[in-house]
C-alpha cells in the first residue's frame, strides 16, 4: 500500500478517493464484507488507517510484516506512510510499531464471494 500511495496519490496519478476504493472499498465488496468493512458509516466496524501523506520513508525488509524473507522493493524511497491503524475502535499500530500482542480478529459471515 505505501508504494501505491507514493506512486499513485503522491505523484497525482490517482486520487485519494481512488486509493481508498482500490485498497479498502473494492476488496470489501469483492469478499462480500461491504459495508461492514470498507466504509466509515454508522454500524460499520470503522477500521481505519491514518496516513501521513508527506512522510518520507525507505522500504526495508526489516520493517515489513509479511511472510517472505526479502522484498524486491528494498531501498525504494517513498512518500506517504501509514502512522496509525485502528481496528473496531482499538489502536493496534502506532508510528511503525504494533501495540497489540493478541489477535483481535473476529469472524464475519458473508453471503458471497466474487472471486
N, C-alpha and C. Protein backbone atom coordinates (compact mmCIF):
# COMPACT_ATOMS: atom_id res chain seq x y z
N UNK A 1 0.80 -1.20 0.00
CA UNK A 1 0.00 0.00 0.00
C UNK A 1 0.85 1.27 0.00
N UNK A 2 1.94 1.31 0.76
CA UNK A 2 2.75 2.53 0.71
C UNK A 2 3.29 2.82 -0.69
N UNK A 3 3.61 1.78 -1.45
CA UNK A 3 4.10 2.01 -2.82
C UNK A 3 2.98 2.58 -3.68
N UNK A 4 1.78 2.00 -3.58
CA UNK A 4 0.65 2.52 -4.34
C UNK A 4 0.35 3.96 -3.95
N UNK A 5 0.39 4.26 -2.66
CA UNK A 5 0.15 5.63 -2.20
C UNK A 5 1.21 6.56 -2.78
N UNK A 6 2.48 6.17 -2.67
CA UNK A 6 3.58 7.02 -3.12
C UNK A 6 3.55 7.23 -4.63
N UNK A 7 3.44 6.14 -5.37
CA UNK A 7 3.48 6.23 -6.83
C UNK A 7 2.16 6.73 -7.42
N UNK A 8 1.06 6.50 -6.70
CA UNK A 8 -0.24 6.92 -7.20
C UNK A 8 -0.68 8.26 -6.68
N UNK A 9 -0.97 8.33 -5.39
CA UNK A 9 -1.53 9.55 -4.80
C UNK A 9 -0.49 10.67 -4.75
N UNK A 10 0.70 10.37 -4.22
CA UNK A 10 1.71 11.41 -4.05
C UNK A 10 2.18 12.00 -5.37
N UNK A 11 2.12 11.20 -6.44
CA UNK A 11 2.55 11.68 -7.76
C UNK A 11 1.37 12.09 -8.63
N UNK A 12 0.20 12.25 -8.00
CA UNK A 12 -1.01 12.71 -8.68
C UNK A 12 -1.41 11.84 -9.87
N UNK A 13 -1.17 10.54 -9.77
CA UNK A 13 -1.59 9.61 -10.82
C UNK A 13 -2.98 9.05 -10.54
N UNK A 14 -3.33 8.97 -9.24
CA UNK A 14 -4.68 8.59 -8.83
C UNK A 14 -5.09 9.50 -7.68
N UNK A 15 -6.40 9.63 -7.50
CA UNK A 15 -6.90 10.46 -6.40
C UNK A 15 -6.86 9.68 -5.09
N UNK A 16 -6.96 10.39 -4.00
CA UNK A 16 -7.03 9.75 -2.68
C UNK A 16 -8.27 8.86 -2.61
N UNK A 17 -9.38 9.33 -3.19
CA UNK A 17 -10.61 8.54 -3.22
C UNK A 17 -10.41 7.23 -3.97
N UNK A 18 -9.68 7.26 -5.08
CA UNK A 18 -9.41 6.05 -5.86
C UNK A 18 -8.52 5.09 -5.05
N UNK A 19 -7.56 5.63 -4.32
CA UNK A 19 -6.70 4.81 -3.46
C UNK A 19 -7.55 4.05 -2.45
N UNK A 20 -8.50 4.74 -1.81
CA UNK A 20 -9.39 4.10 -0.83
C UNK A 20 -10.24 3.03 -1.51
N UNK A 21 -10.74 3.31 -2.70
CA UNK A 21 -11.52 2.30 -3.44
C UNK A 21 -10.67 1.05 -3.71
N UNK A 22 -9.45 1.25 -4.18
CA UNK A 22 -8.59 0.13 -4.56
C UNK A 22 -8.13 -0.70 -3.37
N UNK A 23 -7.92 -0.06 -2.24
CA UNK A 23 -7.32 -0.76 -1.10
C UNK A 23 -8.30 -1.16 -0.01
N UNK A 24 -9.52 -0.62 -0.05
CA UNK A 24 -10.45 -0.88 1.03
C UNK A 24 -11.85 -1.23 0.52
N UNK A 25 -12.50 -0.29 -0.13
CA UNK A 25 -13.90 -0.47 -0.52
C UNK A 25 -14.08 -1.63 -1.49
N UNK A 26 -13.31 -1.66 -2.57
CA UNK A 26 -13.47 -2.72 -3.57
C UNK A 26 -13.15 -4.11 -3.04
N UNK A 27 -12.05 -4.30 -2.28
CA UNK A 27 -11.81 -5.64 -1.71
C UNK A 27 -12.92 -6.07 -0.76
N UNK A 28 -13.45 -5.14 0.04
CA UNK A 28 -14.55 -5.49 0.95
C UNK A 28 -15.77 -5.93 0.15
N UNK A 29 -16.06 -5.26 -0.94
CA UNK A 29 -17.18 -5.65 -1.80
C UNK A 29 -16.92 -7.01 -2.45
N UNK A 30 -15.71 -7.20 -2.93
CA UNK A 30 -15.36 -8.44 -3.62
C UNK A 30 -15.51 -9.66 -2.71
N UNK A 31 -15.19 -9.50 -1.44
CA UNK A 31 -15.27 -10.60 -0.49
C UNK A 31 -16.60 -10.65 0.26
N UNK A 32 -17.55 -9.81 -0.14
CA UNK A 32 -18.86 -9.84 0.47
C UNK A 32 -18.90 -9.28 1.88
N UNK A 33 -17.98 -8.39 2.21
CA UNK A 33 -17.89 -7.83 3.56
C UNK A 33 -18.37 -6.38 3.65
N UNK A 34 -18.72 -5.80 2.52
CA UNK A 34 -19.17 -4.41 2.48
C UNK A 34 -20.64 -4.35 2.85
N UNK A 35 -21.09 -3.43 3.65
CA UNK A 35 -20.45 -2.22 4.17
C UNK A 35 -19.89 -2.37 5.58
N UNK A 36 -19.91 -3.58 6.15
CA UNK A 36 -19.33 -3.73 7.49
C UNK A 36 -17.84 -3.40 7.47
N UNK A 37 -17.18 -3.78 6.39
CA UNK A 37 -15.78 -3.42 6.16
C UNK A 37 -15.74 -2.55 4.92
N UNK A 38 -14.72 -1.72 4.78
CA UNK A 38 -14.53 -0.94 3.57
C UNK A 38 -15.28 0.37 3.53
N UNK A 39 -15.88 0.77 4.65
CA UNK A 39 -16.58 2.04 4.69
C UNK A 39 -16.56 2.59 6.12
N UNK A 40 -16.77 3.88 6.21
CA UNK A 40 -16.90 4.54 7.50
C UNK A 40 -18.34 5.02 7.57
N UNK A 41 -19.18 4.22 8.19
CA UNK A 41 -20.60 4.52 8.31
C UNK A 41 -21.09 4.05 9.68
N UNK A 42 -22.20 4.60 10.12
CA UNK A 42 -22.81 4.13 11.36
C UNK A 42 -23.13 2.64 11.19
N UNK A 43 -22.70 1.83 12.15
CA UNK A 43 -22.93 0.40 12.12
C UNK A 43 -21.79 -0.40 11.50
N UNK A 44 -20.88 0.27 10.80
CA UNK A 44 -19.71 -0.40 10.23
C UNK A 44 -18.63 -0.53 11.30
N UNK A 45 -17.64 -1.39 11.04
CA UNK A 45 -16.58 -1.59 12.03
C UNK A 45 -15.67 -0.38 12.20
N UNK A 46 -15.62 0.48 11.21
CA UNK A 46 -14.80 1.69 11.26
C UNK A 46 -13.32 1.39 11.46
N UNK A 47 -12.83 0.33 10.82
CA UNK A 47 -11.39 0.08 10.79
C UNK A 47 -10.78 1.18 9.93
N UNK A 48 -9.70 1.76 10.40
CA UNK A 48 -9.13 2.88 9.65
C UNK A 48 -7.62 2.93 9.85
N UNK A 49 -6.94 3.30 8.78
CA UNK A 49 -5.51 3.56 8.85
C UNK A 49 -5.29 5.02 8.52
N UNK A 50 -4.54 5.69 9.35
CA UNK A 50 -4.25 7.11 9.17
C UNK A 50 -2.87 7.23 8.53
N UNK A 51 -2.81 8.01 7.46
CA UNK A 51 -1.57 8.18 6.70
C UNK A 51 -1.02 9.58 6.88
N UNK A 52 0.29 9.69 6.94
CA UNK A 52 0.97 10.97 6.83
C UNK A 52 1.39 11.08 5.37
N UNK A 53 0.71 11.91 4.58
CA UNK A 53 0.98 11.95 3.14
C UNK A 53 2.34 12.54 2.80
N UNK A 54 2.99 13.19 3.73
CA UNK A 54 4.29 13.82 3.46
C UNK A 54 5.47 13.06 4.05
N UNK A 55 5.20 12.02 4.82
CA UNK A 55 6.29 11.30 5.48
C UNK A 55 7.12 10.54 4.44
N UNK A 56 8.41 10.81 4.46
CA UNK A 56 9.36 10.13 3.57
C UNK A 56 9.86 8.88 4.27
N UNK A 57 9.97 7.81 3.52
CA UNK A 57 10.43 6.56 4.09
C UNK A 57 11.13 5.75 3.01
N UNK A 58 11.84 4.76 3.45
CA UNK A 58 12.54 3.86 2.55
C UNK A 58 12.05 2.45 2.86
N UNK A 59 11.66 1.71 1.83
CA UNK A 59 11.22 0.34 2.02
C UNK A 59 12.42 -0.50 2.47
N UNK A 60 12.26 -1.19 3.60
CA UNK A 60 13.31 -2.06 4.12
C UNK A 60 12.67 -3.34 4.64
N UNK A 61 13.21 -4.46 4.26
CA UNK A 61 12.68 -5.76 4.66
C UNK A 61 12.54 -5.88 6.18
N UNK A 62 13.49 -5.35 6.90
CA UNK A 62 13.48 -5.48 8.36
C UNK A 62 12.24 -4.84 8.99
N UNK A 63 11.62 -3.88 8.30
CA UNK A 63 10.46 -3.18 8.84
C UNK A 63 9.12 -3.73 8.32
N UNK A 64 9.16 -4.76 7.50
CA UNK A 64 7.93 -5.29 6.91
C UNK A 64 7.41 -6.48 7.71
N UNK A 65 6.10 -6.61 7.73
CA UNK A 65 5.46 -7.74 8.42
C UNK A 65 4.74 -8.58 7.37
N UNK A 66 5.48 -9.46 6.74
CA UNK A 66 4.89 -10.35 5.74
C UNK A 66 5.62 -11.68 5.78
N UNK A 67 5.13 -12.63 5.02
CA UNK A 67 5.64 -13.99 5.11
C UNK A 67 6.90 -14.29 4.32
N UNK A 68 7.52 -13.28 3.76
CA UNK A 68 8.71 -13.51 2.94
C UNK A 68 9.95 -13.01 3.67
N UNK A 69 11.10 -13.50 3.25
CA UNK A 69 12.34 -13.06 3.88
C UNK A 69 13.09 -12.02 3.03
N UNK A 70 12.40 -11.48 2.02
CA UNK A 70 13.01 -10.44 1.20
C UNK A 70 11.90 -9.59 0.57
N UNK A 71 12.27 -8.44 0.04
CA UNK A 71 11.36 -7.64 -0.76
C UNK A 71 12.11 -7.14 -1.99
N UNK A 72 11.50 -7.22 -3.16
CA UNK A 72 12.16 -6.68 -4.35
C UNK A 72 12.20 -5.15 -4.35
N UNK A 73 11.52 -4.54 -3.39
CA UNK A 73 11.47 -3.08 -3.32
C UNK A 73 12.44 -2.51 -2.29
N UNK A 74 13.35 -3.34 -1.79
CA UNK A 74 14.34 -2.90 -0.80
C UNK A 74 15.03 -1.62 -1.28
N UNK A 75 15.01 -0.60 -0.42
CA UNK A 75 15.70 0.65 -0.71
C UNK A 75 14.87 1.67 -1.48
N UNK A 76 13.65 1.32 -1.88
CA UNK A 76 12.80 2.24 -2.64
C UNK A 76 12.36 3.40 -1.75
N UNK A 77 12.62 4.62 -2.19
CA UNK A 77 12.18 5.80 -1.46
C UNK A 77 10.73 6.09 -1.81
N UNK A 78 9.92 6.31 -0.78
CA UNK A 78 8.51 6.59 -0.99
C UNK A 78 8.07 7.80 -0.17
N UNK A 79 6.96 8.37 -0.59
CA UNK A 79 6.35 9.50 0.11
C UNK A 79 4.94 9.10 0.51
N UNK A 80 4.66 9.19 1.80
CA UNK A 80 3.37 8.78 2.34
C UNK A 80 3.53 7.47 3.08
N UNK A 81 3.14 7.45 4.34
CA UNK A 81 3.35 6.25 5.16
C UNK A 81 2.23 6.14 6.19
N UNK A 82 1.74 4.91 6.45
CA UNK A 82 0.73 4.76 7.49
C UNK A 82 1.34 5.01 8.87
N UNK A 83 0.64 5.80 9.68
CA UNK A 83 1.18 6.12 11.00
C UNK A 83 0.34 5.55 12.14
N UNK A 84 -0.93 5.23 11.87
CA UNK A 84 -1.77 4.60 12.89
C UNK A 84 -2.80 3.71 12.21
N UNK A 85 -3.15 2.62 12.89
CA UNK A 85 -4.25 1.77 12.44
C UNK A 85 -5.15 1.50 13.64
N UNK A 86 -6.45 1.63 13.41
CA UNK A 86 -7.47 1.38 14.42
C UNK A 86 -8.36 0.25 13.93
N UNK A 87 -8.62 -0.71 14.78
CA UNK A 87 -9.47 -1.86 14.48
C UNK A 87 -10.64 -1.87 15.45
N UNK A 88 -11.83 -1.60 14.94
CA UNK A 88 -13.04 -1.54 15.77
C UNK A 88 -12.83 -0.70 17.03
N UNK A 89 -12.21 0.46 16.88
CA UNK A 89 -12.02 1.39 17.99
C UNK A 89 -10.78 1.15 18.83
N UNK A 90 -9.99 0.12 18.50
CA UNK A 90 -8.76 -0.17 19.25
C UNK A 90 -7.54 0.20 18.41
N UNK A 91 -6.67 1.03 18.98
CA UNK A 91 -5.43 1.35 18.27
C UNK A 91 -4.52 0.13 18.31
N UNK A 92 -4.15 -0.38 17.13
CA UNK A 92 -3.32 -1.58 17.08
C UNK A 92 -1.94 -1.32 16.49
N UNK A 93 -1.75 -0.14 15.87
CA UNK A 93 -0.47 0.19 15.24
C UNK A 93 -0.25 1.68 15.42
N UNK A 94 0.97 2.06 15.81
CA UNK A 94 1.27 3.47 16.02
C UNK A 94 2.75 3.72 15.73
N UNK A 95 3.00 4.58 14.77
CA UNK A 95 4.37 5.01 14.45
C UNK A 95 5.34 3.85 14.26
N UNK A 96 5.03 2.97 13.31
CA UNK A 96 5.89 1.83 12.94
C UNK A 96 5.97 0.74 14.00
N UNK A 97 5.03 0.69 14.91
CA UNK A 97 5.07 -0.34 15.95
C UNK A 97 3.67 -0.90 16.21
N UNK A 98 3.55 -2.23 16.19
CA UNK A 98 2.31 -2.87 16.58
C UNK A 98 2.22 -2.81 18.09
N UNK A 99 1.08 -2.36 18.62
CA UNK A 99 0.96 -2.16 20.06
C UNK A 99 -0.01 -3.14 20.70
N UNK A 100 -0.49 -4.09 19.93
CA UNK A 100 -1.39 -5.12 20.46
C UNK A 100 -0.69 -6.46 20.31
N UNK A 101 -0.64 -7.23 21.38
CA UNK A 101 0.04 -8.51 21.34
C UNK A 101 -0.89 -9.69 21.07
N UNK A 102 -2.20 -9.47 21.20
CA UNK A 102 -3.13 -10.57 20.99
C UNK A 102 -3.93 -10.36 19.71
N UNK A 103 -4.45 -11.44 19.19
CA UNK A 103 -5.25 -11.38 17.98
C UNK A 103 -6.63 -10.80 18.31
N UNK A 104 -7.00 -9.75 17.63
CA UNK A 104 -8.30 -9.12 17.85
C UNK A 104 -9.27 -9.46 16.72
N UNK A 105 -8.91 -10.44 15.89
CA UNK A 105 -9.77 -10.82 14.77
C UNK A 105 -11.13 -11.30 15.22
N UNK A 106 -12.11 -11.12 14.35
CA UNK A 106 -13.48 -11.51 14.64
C UNK A 106 -14.07 -12.12 13.37
N UNK A 107 -14.68 -13.29 13.49
CA UNK A 107 -15.30 -13.93 12.33
C UNK A 107 -16.48 -13.10 11.84
N UNK A 108 -16.54 -12.91 10.54
CA UNK A 108 -17.65 -12.20 9.93
C UNK A 108 -18.22 -13.10 8.84
N UNK A 109 -19.48 -13.47 8.98
CA UNK A 109 -20.08 -14.30 7.93
C UNK A 109 -20.39 -13.42 6.74
N UNK A 110 -20.39 -14.02 5.58
CA UNK A 110 -20.65 -13.27 4.36
C UNK A 110 -21.54 -14.09 3.45
N UNK A 111 -22.23 -13.40 2.55
CA UNK A 111 -23.19 -14.06 1.69
C UNK A 111 -22.57 -14.66 0.43
N UNK A 112 -21.54 -14.03 -0.10
CA UNK A 112 -20.99 -14.47 -1.37
C UNK A 112 -19.55 -14.02 -1.51
N UNK A 113 -18.90 -14.55 -2.52
CA UNK A 113 -17.54 -14.15 -2.86
C UNK A 113 -17.46 -14.04 -4.35
N UNK A 114 -16.99 -12.91 -4.86
CA UNK A 114 -16.93 -12.68 -6.30
C UNK A 114 -15.57 -12.99 -6.89
N UNK A 115 -14.85 -13.95 -6.33
CA UNK A 115 -13.52 -14.28 -6.88
C UNK A 115 -13.70 -15.08 -8.10
